[in-house]
Amino acid sequence: MTAPATAPVPAPVPAPMPALTVRGLELRRSAHVAAAGTGSNGDTPPLAAPPLVGPVDLAVERGQVVCLVGPSGCGKSLTCMSLLGMLPDGVARTAGTIRVNGQAVDGQAAYGAPPEQLRLLRGRGAAYVLQNPASCFDPVFTIGTHFQETLAAHLPTTPGSGTRPDWRAAARAALREVGFDDADAILRHYPFQMSGGMLQRVMIALALVLDVPLLIADEPTTDLDLPSQARVLDLLDQVRRTRNMGILLVTHDLSVAARMADRMAVMRHGRVVEQGDVRELFAAPRHPYTRALLAAHHRLYGLCPPHGDDAPTQHPATAPAATAPAAAGHP
């Protein structure tokens, strides 16, 4: 008598790869790194100067928004630039690991990494939306030329034919996705013919056309009027849901964090002093600076005064001037 056939055991489904993982990141002035030199055994001795940034641990999952908040000059933008090997002259990464969609970012990426490696990282791994969109476009070229150059630099050729997909079709589709009805007219425009809100949506469209898993948005609404801010935030939330894109969103506005974020990280003096689920952090902040930050937000909008320990008594998204519904997270 033969044994009954058994159904094959399905292979375990691998866990989705995080869009971004940062562990122990430290950034220092290059002069301090050079002054440290090397020891007699060739090892780099401990650096005496404190880091400009770090240590920083961050993680962004696909389909998740993580807000990075903190005062001006605390290291938020330096942290974002380090993720794509874009540190300015005079700053070096001295510790930590960065992985963008599973790809390790070389600590010396800004200092001589192969151009092809950087192109793959910046075009296929992540996109960067900056605070002032006008500074990111060349005013003598049309929007269409910017799309054409971006796709030529980053979009792979079709196997066998050696050709790339039609850039116009890809650009039209991305522009329509971000709310432009007449995409062909936008492609003919020069950057100076467009408002800040329009250019910010074009920057997001450039990220969509490459279908990146991670979008780094460094204060993307700061220079915009309130209607444009709301439209850009709606758009970011839309692409997070429809594209399963991870978003690292830098902002000073706690109402934006309350509206958009799944998780929030609070920076001060170059360090992440507290991070966690956005609802839990708003309800029970642990670090004194986080409590003071939330209390100041409440006072700004004339909400219920905080408790004696500066803990807020009301969710920041309920602020009258906030451009967000009165709930954090997503439905």
C-alpha atoms as a PDB file:
ATOM      1  CA  MET A   1       0.000   0.000   0.000  1.00  0.00           C
ATOM      2  CA  THR A   2       1.526   3.275  -1.117  1.00  0.00           C
ATOM      3  CA  ALA A   3       1.675   6.277   1.153  1.00  0.00           C
ATOM      4  CA  PRO A   4      -0.646   9.131   0.210  1.00  0.00           C
ATOM      5  CA  ALA A   5       0.966  11.903  -1.748  1.00  0.00           C
ATOM      6  CA  THR A   6       1.739  14.980   0.258  1.00  0.00           C
ATOM      7  CA  ALA A   7       1.461  18.500  -1.043  1.00  0.00           C
ATOM      8  CA  PRO A   8       4.799  20.224  -1.533  1.00  0.00           C
ATOM      9  CA  VAL A   9       5.732  22.611   1.200  1.00  0.00           C
ATOM     10  CA  PRO A  10       5.699  26.145  -0.231  1.00  0.00           C
ATOM     11  CA  ALA A  11       8.979  27.966  -0.108  1.00  0.00           C
ATOM     12  CA  PRO A  12       9.092  30.695   2.520  1.00  0.00           C
ATOM     13  CA  VAL A  13       8.320  34.122   1.148  1.00  0.00           C
ATOM     14  CA  PRO A  14      11.351  36.368   1.664  1.00  0.00           C
ATOM     15  CA  ALA A  15      10.776  39.455   3.736  1.00  0.00           C
ATOM     16  CA  PRO A  16      10.537  42.610   1.621  1.00  0.00           C
ATOM     17  CA  MET A  17      13.794  44.491   1.389  1.00  0.00           C
ATOM     18  CA  PRO A  18      13.773  47.810   3.287  1.00  0.00           C
ATOM     19  CA  ALA A  19      14.020  50.894   1.126  1.00  0.00           C
ATOM     20  CA  LEU A  20      16.643  52.318   3.509  1.00  0.00           C
ATOM     21  CA  THR A  21      18.691  51.020   6.427  1.00  0.00           C
ATOM     22  CA  VAL A  22      21.175  53.219   8.324  1.00  0.00           C
ATOM     23  CA  ARG A  23      23.223  51.897  11.237  1.00  0.00           C
ATOM     24  CA  GLY A  24      25.709  53.866  13.343  1.00  0.00           C
ATOM     25  CA  LEU A  25      26.200  56.674  10.828  1.00  0.00           C
ATOM     26  CA  GLU A  26      28.788  59.295  11.817  1.00  0.00           C
ATOM     27  CA  LEU A  27      29.908  62.323   9.795  1.00  0.00           C
ATOM     28  CA  ARG A  28      32.929  64.475  10.613  1.00  0.00           C
ATOM     29  CA  ARG A  29      34.875  67.348   9.147  1.00  0.00           C
ATOM     30  CA  SER A  30      37.481  66.017   6.732  1.00  0.00           C
ATOM     31  CA  ALA A  31      40.201  68.082   8.431  1.00  0.00           C
ATOM     32  CA  HIS A  32      39.619  66.199  11.668  1.00  0.00           C
ATOM     33  CA  VAL A  33      39.855  62.888   9.840  1.00  0.00           C
ATOM     34  CA  ALA A  34      43.151  63.867   8.179  1.00  0.00           C
ATOM     35  CA  ALA A  35      44.584  65.201  11.444  1.00  0.00           C
ATOM     36  CA  ALA A  36      43.935  61.863  13.141  1.00  0.00           C
ATOM     37  CA  GLY A  37      46.293  60.125  10.718  1.00  0.00           C
ATOM     38  CA  THR A  38      47.048  56.445  11.262  1.00  0.00           C
ATOM     39  CA  GLY A  39      48.611  54.563  14.112  1.00  0.00           C
ATOM     40  CA  SER A  40      51.822  52.570  14.027  1.00  0.00           C
ATOM     41  CA  ASN A  41      49.910  49.446  13.046  1.00  0.00           C
ATOM     42  CA  GLY A  42      48.150  51.223  10.176  1.00  0.00           C
ATOM     43  CA  ASP A  43      44.820  51.501  11.965  1.00  0.00           C
ATOM     44  CA  THR A  44      42.972  54.779  12.200  1.00  0.00           C
ATOM     45  CA  PRO A  45      43.012  55.944  15.831  1.00  0.00           C
ATOM     46  CA  PRO A  46      39.858  57.155  17.542  1.00  0.00           C
ATOM     47  CA  LEU A  47      38.910  60.660  16.450  1.00  0.00           C
ATOM     48  CA  ALA A  48      39.003  63.203  19.243  1.00  0.00           C
ATOM     49  CA  ALA A  49      36.652  65.722  17.611  1.00  0.00           C
ATOM     50  CA  PRO A  50      32.958  64.956  18.131  1.00  0.00           C
ATOM     51  CA  PRO A  51      31.032  64.062  14.980  1.00  0.00           C
ATOM     52  CA  LEU A  52      28.933  66.636  13.174  1.00  0.00           C
ATOM     53  CA  VAL A  53      26.266  63.963  12.850  1.00  0.00           C
ATOM     54  CA  GLY A  54      25.887  60.701  14.653  1.00  0.00           C
ATOM     55  CA  PRO A  55      25.525  58.127  15.631  1.00  0.00           C
ATOM     56  CA  VAL A  56      22.330  57.843  13.578  1.00  0.00           C
ATOM     57  CA  ASP A  57      20.154  54.765  13.081  1.00  0.00           C
ATOM     58  CA  LEU A  58      17.230  54.940  10.650  1.00  0.00           C
ATOM     59  CA  ALA A  59      15.068  52.520   8.692  1.00  0.00           C
ATOM     60  CA  VAL A  60      12.429  53.146   6.032  1.00  0.00           C
ATOM     61  CA  GLU A  61      10.305  50.257   4.811  1.00  0.00           C
ATOM     62  CA  ARG A  62       8.651  50.155   1.390  1.00  0.00           C
ATOM     63  CA  GLY A  63       5.292  51.913   1.500  1.00  0.00           C
ATOM     64  CA  GLN A  64       6.226  53.757   4.706  1.00  0.00           C
ATOM     65  CA  VAL A  65       6.787  57.423   5.501  1.00  0.00           C
ATOM     66  CA  VAL A  66       9.409  58.276   8.120  1.00  0.00           C
ATOM     67  CA  CYS A  67       9.583  61.934   9.152  1.00  0.00           C
ATOM     68  CA  LEU A  68      12.887  63.391  10.331  1.00  0.00           C
ATOM     69  CA  VAL A  69      12.300  66.479  12.477  1.00  0.00           C
ATOM     70  CA  GLY A  70      14.573  68.769  14.466  1.00  0.00           C
ATOM     71  CA  PRO A  71      15.906  72.328  14.675  1.00  0.00           C
ATOM     72  CA  SER A  72      17.798  74.029  11.859  1.00  0.00           C
ATOM     73  CA  GLY A  73      21.457  73.027  11.815  1.00  0.00           C
ATOM     74  CA  CYS A  74      20.977  69.743  13.666  1.00  0.00           C
ATOM     75  CA  GLY A  75      22.220  67.616  10.751  1.00  0.00           C
ATOM     76  CA  LYS A  76      19.060  66.567   8.923  1.00  0.00           C
ATOM     77  CA  SER A  77      20.193  67.649   5.456  1.00  0.00           C
ATOM     78  CA  LEU A  78      23.745  66.305   5.944  1.00  0.00           C
ATOM     79  CA  THR A  79      22.231  62.979   6.906  1.00  0.00           C
ATOM     80  CA  CYS A  80      20.111  62.957   3.735  1.00  0.00           C
ATOM     81  CA  MET A  81      23.047  63.885   1.500  1.00  0.00           C
ATOM     82  CA  SER A  82      25.184  61.120   2.979  1.00  0.00           C
ATOM     83  CA  LEU A  83      22.595  58.531   1.958  1.00  0.00           C
ATOM     84  CA  LEU A  84      23.409  59.077  -1.715  1.00  0.00           C
ATOM     85  CA  GLY A  85      27.126  59.845  -1.407  1.00  0.00           C
ATOM     86  CA  MET A  86      26.523  63.573  -1.917  1.00  0.00           C
ATOM     87  CA  LEU A  87      28.404  65.005   1.066  1.00  0.00           C
ATOM     88  CA  PRO A  88      29.925  68.444   0.464  1.00  0.00           C
ATOM     89  CA  ASP A  89      33.651  69.063   0.445  1.00  0.00           C
ATOM     90  CA  GLY A  90      35.055  69.100   3.956  1.00  0.00           C
ATOM     91  CA  VAL A  91      32.691  66.461   5.354  1.00  0.00           C
ATOM     92  CA  ALA A  92      33.391  62.722   5.442  1.00  0.00           C
ATOM     93  CA  ARG A  93      31.591  59.654   6.659  1.00  0.00           C
ATOM     94  CA  THR A  94      33.727  58.039   9.351  1.00  0.00           C
ATOM     95  CA  ALA A  95      31.502  55.262  10.685  1.00  0.00           C
ATOM     96  CA  GLY A  96      28.347  53.352  10.027  1.00  0.00           C
ATOM     97  CA  THR A  97      26.635  51.524   7.193  1.00  0.00           C
ATOM     98  CA  ILE A  98      24.024  52.683   4.691  1.00  0.00           C
ATOM     99  CA  ARG A  99      21.981  50.405   2.476  1.00  0.00           C
ATOM    100  CA  VAL A 100      19.564  51.780  -0.120  1.00  0.00           C
ATOM    101  CA  ASN A 101      17.200  49.060  -1.367  1.00  0.00           C
ATOM    102  CA  GLY A 102      19.767  46.522  -0.226  1.00  0.00           C
ATOM    103  CA  GLN A 103      22.701  48.203  -1.990  1.00  0.00           C
ATOM    104  CA  ALA A 104      25.548  49.305   0.242  1.00  0.00           C
ATOM    105  CA  VAL A 105      26.562  52.952  -0.114  1.00  0.00           C
ATOM    106  CA  ASP A 106      30.330  53.252  -0.023  1.00  0.00           C
ATOM    107  CA  GLY A 107      31.580  55.591   2.668  1.00  0.00           C
ATOM    108  CA  GLN A 108      33.843  57.219   0.081  1.00  0.00           C
ATOM    109  CA  ALA A 109      31.145  57.432  -2.592  1.00  0.00           C
ATOM    110  CA  ALA A 110      31.546  61.202  -2.830  1.00  0.00           C
ATOM    111  CA  TYR A 111      35.298  60.852  -3.318  1.00  0.00           C
ATOM    112  CA  GLY A 112      36.032  58.847  -6.420  1.00  0.00           C
ATOM    113  CA  ALA A 113      33.466  56.045  -6.684  1.00  0.00           C
ATOM    114  CA  PRO A 114      32.890  54.890 -10.269  1.00  0.00           C
ATOM    115  CA  PRO A 115      30.340  57.144 -12.015  1.00  0.00           C
ATOM    116  CA  GLU A 116      28.275  54.113 -13.017  1.00  0.00           C
ATOM    117  CA  GLN A 117      27.930  53.067  -9.381  1.00  0.00           C
ATOM    118  CA  LEU A 118      26.724  56.512  -8.376  1.00  0.00           C
ATOM    119  CA  ARG A 119      24.347  56.652 -11.329  1.00  0.00           C
ATOM    120  CA  LEU A 120      22.738  53.377 -10.338  1.00  0.00           C
ATOM    121  CA  LEU A 121      22.400  54.512  -6.749  1.00  0.00           C
ATOM    122  CA  ARG A 122      21.006  57.977  -7.454  1.00  0.00           C
ATOM    123  CA  GLY A 123      18.838  57.082 -10.410  1.00  0.00           C
ATOM    124  CA  ARG A 124      17.591  53.581  -9.700  1.00  0.00           C
ATOM    125  CA  GLY A 125      17.959  53.296  -5.926  1.00  0.00           C
ATOM    126  CA  ALA A 126      16.660  56.636  -4.680  1.00  0.00           C
ATOM    127  CA  ALA A 127      15.558  60.096  -5.738  1.00  0.00           C
ATOM    128  CA  TYR A 128      16.104  63.369  -3.918  1.00  0.00           C
ATOM    129  CA  VAL A 129      13.547  66.205  -3.759  1.00  0.00           C
ATOM    130  CA  LEU A 130      15.007  69.404  -2.345  1.00  0.00           C
ATOM    131  CA  GLN A 131      13.523  72.369  -0.519  1.00  0.00           C
ATOM    132  CA  ASN A 132      13.984  74.922  -3.316  1.00  0.00           C
ATOM    133  CA  PRO A 133      12.910  73.283  -6.583  1.00  0.00           C
ATOM    134  CA  ALA A 134      13.992  76.219  -8.766  1.00  0.00           C
ATOM    135  CA  SER A 135      17.630  75.578  -7.827  1.00  0.00           C
ATOM    136  CA  CYS A 136      17.424  72.033  -9.186  1.00  0.00           C
ATOM    137  CA  PHE A 137      16.590  72.920 -12.803  1.00  0.00           C
ATOM    138  CA  ASP A 138      18.758  74.517 -15.462  1.00  0.00           C
ATOM    139  CA  PRO A 139      16.796  77.588 -16.594  1.00  0.00           C
ATOM    140  CA  VAL A 140      18.066  77.422 -20.199  1.00  0.00           C
ATOM    141  CA  PHE A 141      16.617  73.950 -20.828  1.00  0.00           C
ATOM    142  CA  THR A 142      12.990  72.915 -21.114  1.00  0.00           C
ATOM    143  CA  ILE A 143      11.321  70.475 -18.742  1.00  0.00           C
ATOM    144  CA  GLY A 144      11.313  67.978 -21.596  1.00  0.00           C
ATOM    145  CA  THR A 145      15.095  68.209 -21.885  1.00  0.00           C
ATOM    146  CA  HIS A 146      15.420  67.512 -18.159  1.00  0.00           C
ATOM    147  CA  PHE A 147      13.319  64.343 -18.558  1.00  0.00           C
ATOM    148  CA  GLN A 148      15.304  63.301 -21.620  1.00  0.00           C
ATOM    149  CA  GLU A 149      18.655  63.688 -19.849  1.00  0.00           C
ATOM    150  CA  THR A 150      17.445  61.929 -16.702  1.00  0.00           C
ATOM    151  CA  LEU A 151      16.169  58.912 -18.607  1.00  0.00           C
ATOM    152  CA  ALA A 152      19.254  58.753 -20.823  1.00  0.00           C
ATOM    153  CA  ALA A 153      21.487  58.701 -17.743  1.00  0.00           C
ATOM    154  CA  HIS A 154      19.527  56.223 -15.650  1.00  0.00           C
ATOM    155  CA  LEU A 155      17.081  54.145 -17.677  1.00  0.00           C
ATOM    156  CA  PRO A 156      18.569  50.842 -18.890  1.00  0.00           C
ATOM    157  CA  THR A 157      18.471  49.913 -22.550  1.00  0.00           C
ATOM    158  CA  THR A 158      16.086  47.258 -23.812  1.00  0.00           C
ATOM    159  CA  PRO A 159      17.850  43.833 -23.932  1.00  0.00           C
ATOM    160  CA  GLY A 160      18.695  42.799 -27.467  1.00  0.00           C
ATOM    161  CA  SER A 161      17.860  46.078 -29.165  1.00  0.00           C
ATOM    162  CA  GLY A 162      20.128  48.405 -27.226  1.00  0.00           C
ATOM    163  CA  THR A 163      17.438  51.082 -27.299  1.00  0.00           C
ATOM    164  CA  ARG A 164      15.616  52.843 -24.471  1.00  0.00           C
ATOM    165  CA  PRO A 165      11.862  53.212 -24.098  1.00  0.00           C
ATOM    166  CA  ASP A 166      10.362  56.384 -25.538  1.00  0.00           C
ATOM    167  CA  TRP A 167      11.222  59.134 -23.062  1.00  0.00           C
ATOM    168  CA  ARG A 168       8.281  61.272 -24.147  1.00  0.00           C
ATOM    169  CA  ALA A 169       5.750  58.558 -23.333  1.00  0.00           C
ATOM    170  CA  ALA A 170       7.358  57.922 -19.952  1.00  0.00           C
ATOM    171  CA  ALA A 171       7.485  61.653 -19.146  1.00  0.00           C
ATOM    172  CA  ARG A 172       3.853  62.201 -20.163  1.00  0.00           C
ATOM    173  CA  ALA A 173       2.681  59.332 -17.959  1.00  0.00           C
ATOM    174  CA  ALA A 174       4.653  60.588 -14.945  1.00  0.00           C
ATOM    175  CA  LEU A 175       3.463  64.177 -15.376  1.00  0.00           C
ATOM    176  CA  ARG A 176      -0.157  63.071 -15.598  1.00  0.00           C
ATOM    177  CA  GLU A 177       0.311  61.004 -12.453  1.00  0.00           C
ATOM    178  CA  VAL A 178       1.360  64.117 -10.522  1.00  0.00           C
ATOM    179  CA  GLY A 179      -1.648  66.086 -11.733  1.00  0.00           C
ATOM    180  CA  PHE A 180      -0.687  67.827 -14.978  1.00  0.00           C
ATOM    181  CA  ASP A 181      -3.519  67.432 -17.486  1.00  0.00           C
ATOM    182  CA  ASP A 182      -1.580  68.879 -20.441  1.00  0.00           C
ATOM    183  CA  ALA A 183       1.722  67.044 -20.096  1.00  0.00           C
ATOM    184  CA  ASP A 184       2.947  68.110 -23.543  1.00  0.00           C
ATOM    185  CA  ALA A 185       2.621  71.778 -22.606  1.00  0.00           C
ATOM    186  CA  ILE A 186       4.638  71.192 -19.426  1.00  0.00           C
ATOM    187  CA  LEU A 187       7.403  69.492 -21.406  1.00  0.00           C
ATOM    188  CA  ARG A 188       7.711  72.621 -23.559  1.00  0.00           C
ATOM    189  CA  HIS A 189       7.939  74.956 -20.546  1.00  0.00           C
ATOM    190  CA  TYR A 190      11.158  76.376 -19.142  1.00  0.00           C
ATOM    191  CA  PRO A 191      11.614  76.204 -15.351  1.00  0.00           C
ATOM    192  CA  PHE A 192      11.265  79.981 -14.937  1.00  0.00           C
ATOM    193  CA  GLN A 193       7.800  79.780 -16.506  1.00  0.00           C
ATOM    194  CA  MET A 194       6.526  77.574 -13.676  1.00  0.00           C
ATOM    195  CA  SER A 195       5.650  78.181 -10.024  1.00  0.00           C
ATOM    196  CA  GLY A 196       7.452  76.541  -7.113  1.00  0.00           C
ATOM    197  CA  GLY A 197       4.599  74.116  -6.547  1.00  0.00           C
ATOM    198  CA  MET A 198       4.599  73.084 -10.200  1.00  0.00           C
ATOM    199  CA  LEU A 199       8.360  72.533 -10.184  1.00  0.00           C
ATOM    200  CA  GLN A 200       8.086  70.461  -7.014  1.00  0.00           C
ATOM    201  CA  ARG A 201       5.561  68.213  -8.751  1.00  0.00           C
ATOM    202  CA  VAL A 202       7.897  67.945 -11.750  1.00  0.00           C
ATOM    203  CA  MET A 203      10.691  66.818  -9.408  1.00  0.00           C
ATOM    204  CA  ILE A 204       8.415  64.114  -8.021  1.00  0.00           C
ATOM    205  CA  ALA A 205       7.515  63.095 -11.585  1.00  0.00           C
ATOM    206  CA  LEU A 206      11.226  62.689 -12.362  1.00  0.00           C
ATOM    207  CA  ALA A 207      11.414  60.260  -9.432  1.00  0.00           C
ATOM    208  CA  LEU A 208       8.334  58.382 -10.634  1.00  0.00           C
ATOM    209  CA  VAL A 209       9.621  57.976 -14.155  1.00  0.00           C
ATOM    210  CA  LEU A 210      12.557  55.984 -12.767  1.00  0.00           C
ATOM    211  CA  ASP A 211      10.328  53.994 -10.374  1.00  0.00           C
ATOM    212  CA  VAL A 212      12.728  54.352  -7.442  1.00  0.00           C
ATOM    213  CA  PRO A 213      12.001  52.448  -4.209  1.00  0.00           C
ATOM    214  CA  LEU A 214      13.080  55.380  -1.982  1.00  0.00           C
ATOM    215  CA  LEU A 215      12.239  59.075  -2.125  1.00  0.00           C
ATOM    216  CA  ILE A 216      14.202  61.499   0.073  1.00  0.00           C
ATOM    217  CA  ALA A 217      12.187  64.706   0.440  1.00  0.00           C
ATOM    218  CA  ASP A 218      14.132  67.422   2.283  1.00  0.00           C
ATOM    219  CA  GLU A 219      11.554  70.018   3.399  1.00  0.00           C
ATOM    220  CA  PRO A 220       9.687  69.841   0.076  1.00  0.00           C
ATOM    221  CA  THR A 221       6.883  72.206   1.168  1.00  0.00           C
ATOM    222  CA  THR A 222       8.803  74.904   3.065  1.00  0.00           C
ATOM    223  CA  ASP A 223       8.909  77.435   0.201  1.00  0.00           C
ATOM    224  CA  LEU A 224       5.344  76.822  -0.989  1.00  0.00           C
ATOM    225  CA  ASP A 225       2.046  78.539  -0.229  1.00  0.00           C
ATOM    226  CA  LEU A 226      -0.540  76.571   1.745  1.00  0.00           C
ATOM    227  CA  PRO A 227      -2.592  75.233  -1.230  1.00  0.00           C
ATOM    228  CA  SER A 228       0.610  74.092  -2.959  1.00  0.00           C
ATOM    229  CA  GLN A 229       1.841  72.494   0.284  1.00  0.00           C
ATOM    230  CA  ALA A 230      -1.369  70.511   0.606  1.00  0.00           C
ATOM    231  CA  ARG A 231      -1.189  69.371  -3.016  1.00  0.00           C
ATOM    232  CA  VAL A 232       2.436  68.207  -2.716  1.00  0.00           C
ATOM    233  CA  LEU A 233       1.681  66.311   0.517  1.00  0.00           C
ATOM    234  CA  ASP A 234      -1.351  64.656  -1.091  1.00  0.00           C
ATOM    235  CA  LEU A 235       0.867  63.666  -4.006  1.00  0.00           C
ATOM    236  CA  LEU A 236       3.551  62.164  -1.755  1.00  0.00           C
ATOM    237  CA  ASP A 237       0.926  60.135   0.076  1.00  0.00           C
ATOM    238  CA  GLN A 238      -0.509  58.978  -3.250  1.00  0.00           C
ATOM    239  CA  VAL A 239       2.802  57.740  -4.642  1.00  0.00           C
ATOM    240  CA  ARG A 240       3.579  56.021  -1.342  1.00  0.00           C
ATOM    241  CA  ARG A 241       0.364  54.022  -1.672  1.00  0.00           C
ATOM    242  CA  THR A 242       0.310  53.387  -5.418  1.00  0.00           C
ATOM    243  CA  ARG A 243       4.046  52.786  -5.924  1.00  0.00           C
ATOM    244  CA  ASN A 244       4.824  51.161  -2.554  1.00  0.00           C
ATOM    245  CA  MET A 245       7.592  53.744  -2.254  1.00  0.00           C
ATOM    246  CA  GLY A 246       9.452  54.406   0.973  1.00  0.00           C
ATOM    247  CA  ILE A 247       9.715  58.108   1.831  1.00  0.00           C
ATOM    248  CA  LEU A 248      12.134  59.853   4.181  1.00  0.00           C
ATOM    249  CA  LEU A 249      10.486  63.225   4.760  1.00  0.00           C
ATOM    250  CA  VAL A 250      12.383  66.058   6.455  1.00  0.00           C
ATOM    251  CA  THR A 251      10.134  68.715   7.957  1.00  0.00           C
ATOM    252  CA  HIS A 252       9.910  71.354  10.689  1.00  0.00           C
ATOM    253  CA  ASP A 253       6.116  71.163  10.744  1.00  0.00           C
ATOM    254  CA  LEU A 254       4.778  68.664  13.273  1.00  0.00           C
ATOM    255  CA  SER A 255       1.367  68.876  11.632  1.00  0.00           C
ATOM    256  CA  VAL A 256       2.948  67.482   8.463  1.00  0.00           C
ATOM    257  CA  ALA A 257       4.509  64.680  10.495  1.00  0.00           C
ATOM    258  CA  ALA A 258       1.169  63.956  12.145  1.00  0.00           C
ATOM    259  CA  ARG A 259      -0.545  63.765   8.799  1.00  0.00           C
ATOM    260  CA  MET A 260       2.053  61.869   6.780  1.00  0.00           C
ATOM    261  CA  ALA A 261       4.280  59.754   8.991  1.00  0.00           C
ATOM    262  CA  ASP A 262       4.134  56.143  10.085  1.00  0.00           C
ATOM    263  CA  ARG A 263       7.261  56.728  12.161  1.00  0.00           C
ATOM    264  CA  MET A 264       9.090  59.839  13.315  1.00  0.00           C
ATOM    265  CA  ALA A 265      12.716  60.443  14.282  1.00  0.00           C
ATOM    266  CA  VAL A 266      13.720  63.530  16.298  1.00  0.00           C
ATOM    267  CA  MET A 267      17.218  64.958  15.792  1.00  0.00           C
ATOM    268  CA  ARG A 268      19.123  67.371  18.011  1.00  0.00           C
ATOM    269  CA  HIS A 269      22.814  68.305  17.969  1.00  0.00           C
ATOM    270  CA  GLY A 270      23.467  65.782  15.193  1.00  0.00           C
ATOM    271  CA  ARG A 271      21.933  62.796  16.980  1.00  0.00           C
ATOM    272  CA  VAL A 272      18.599  61.024  16.780  1.00  0.00           C
ATOM    273  CA  VAL A 273      17.413  61.447  20.356  1.00  0.00           C
ATOM    274  CA  GLU A 274      14.116  59.610  19.952  1.00  0.00           C
ATOM    275  CA  GLN A 275      12.193  57.722  17.292  1.00  0.00           C
ATOM    276  CA  GLY A 276       9.194  55.467  17.087  1.00  0.00           C
ATOM    277  CA  ASP A 277       5.620  55.049  15.929  1.00  0.00           C
ATOM    278  CA  VAL A 278       4.212  58.509  15.323  1.00  0.00           C
ATOM    279  CA  ARG A 279       1.084  58.006  17.434  1.00  0.00           C
ATOM    280  CA  GLU A 280       3.036  56.598  20.348  1.00  0.00           C
ATOM    281  CA  LEU A 281       5.612  59.359  20.152  1.00  0.00           C
ATOM    282  CA  PHE A 282       2.970  62.096  20.108  1.00  0.00           C
ATOM    283  CA  ALA A 283       1.061  60.480  22.961  1.00  0.00           C
ATOM    284  CA  ALA A 284       4.004  59.695  25.243  1.00  0.00           C
ATOM    285  CA  PRO A 285       7.286  61.363  24.223  1.00  0.00           C
ATOM    286  CA  ARG A 286      10.198  60.225  26.380  1.00  0.00           C
ATOM    287  CA  HIS A 287      13.080  62.575  25.578  1.00  0.00           C
ATOM    288  CA  PRO A 288      12.964  66.073  27.128  1.00  0.00           C
ATOM    289  CA  TYR A 289      13.629  67.735  23.764  1.00  0.00           C
ATOM    290  CA  THR A 290      10.758  65.862  22.099  1.00  0.00           C
ATOM    291  CA  ARG A 291       8.439  66.925  24.914  1.00  0.00           C
ATOM    292  CA  ALA A 292       9.582  70.547  24.592  1.00  0.00           C
ATOM    293  CA  LEU A 293       9.160  70.449  20.805  1.00  0.00           C
ATOM    294  CA  LEU A 294       5.594  69.191  21.024  1.00  0.00           C
ATOM    295  CA  ALA A 295       4.752  71.610  23.823  1.00  0.00           C
ATOM    296  CA  ALA A 296       6.011  74.546  21.736  1.00  0.00           C
ATOM    297  CA  HIS A 297       3.838  73.390  18.830  1.00  0.00           C
ATOM    298  CA  HIS A 298       0.788  73.358  21.081  1.00  0.00           C
ATOM    299  CA  ARG A 299       1.520  76.808  22.419  1.00  0.00           C
ATOM    300  CA  LEU A 300       1.991  78.139  18.889  1.00  0.00           C
ATOM    301  CA  TYR A 301      -1.541  77.093  17.953  1.00  0.00           C
ATOM    302  CA  GLY A 302      -3.126  77.980  21.304  1.00  0.00           C
ATOM    303  CA  LEU A 303      -4.097  74.432  22.137  1.00  0.00           C
ATOM    304  CA  CYS A 304      -4.488  72.882  25.563  1.00  0.00           C
ATOM    305  CA  PRO A 305      -1.457  73.672  27.724  1.00  0.00           C
ATOM    306  CA  PRO A 306       0.914  70.756  28.234  1.00  0.00           C
ATOM    307  CA  HIS A 307       1.317  68.950  31.510  1.00  0.00           C
ATOM    308  CA  GLY A 308       4.003  70.021  33.943  1.00  0.00           C
ATOM    309  CA  ASP A 309       6.514  67.673  32.323  1.00  0.00           C
ATOM    310  CA  ASP A 310       5.945  69.405  28.967  1.00  0.00           C
ATOM    311  CA  ALA A 311       4.120  66.378  27.590  1.00  0.00           C
ATOM    312  CA  PRO A 312       1.433  67.367  25.054  1.00  0.00           C
ATOM    313  CA  THR A 313      -2.211  66.694  25.835  1.00  0.00           C
ATOM    314  CA  GLN A 314      -3.511  66.859  22.286  1.00  0.00           C
ATOM    315  CA  HIS A 315      -2.391  65.417  18.973  1.00  0.00           C
ATOM    316  CA  PRO A 316      -0.599  68.081  16.861  1.00  0.00           C
ATOM    317  CA  ALA A 317      -2.665  67.257  13.794  1.00  0.00           C
ATOM    318  CA  THR A 318      -5.622  68.947  15.486  1.00  0.00           C
ATOM    319  CA  ALA A 319      -3.883  72.331  15.263  1.00  0.00           C
ATOM    320  CA  PRO A 320      -6.214  74.836  13.553  1.00  0.00           C
ATOM    321  CA  ALA A 321      -3.539  76.002  11.112  1.00  0.00           C
ATOM    322  CA  ALA A 322      -2.415  72.497  10.158  1.00  0.00           C
ATOM    323  CA  THR A 323      -2.982  71.360   6.599  1.00  0.00           C
ATOM    324  CA  ALA A 324      -3.668  67.823   7.789  1.00  0.00           C
ATOM    325  CA  PRO A 325      -6.668  65.790   8.905  1.00  0.00           C
ATOM    326  CA  ALA A 326      -6.909  65.196  12.629  1.00  0.00           C
ATOM    327  CA  ALA A 327      -5.264  61.803  12.583  1.00  0.00           C
ATOM    328  CA  ALA A 328      -1.793  60.468  12.094  1.00  0.00           C
ATOM    329  CA  GLY A 329      -0.911  57.528   9.927  1.00  0.00           C
ATOM    330  CA  HIS A 330      -3.003  56.295   7.043  1.00  0.00           C
ATOM    331  CA  PRO A 331      -6.530  54.910   6.705  1.00  0.00           C
END
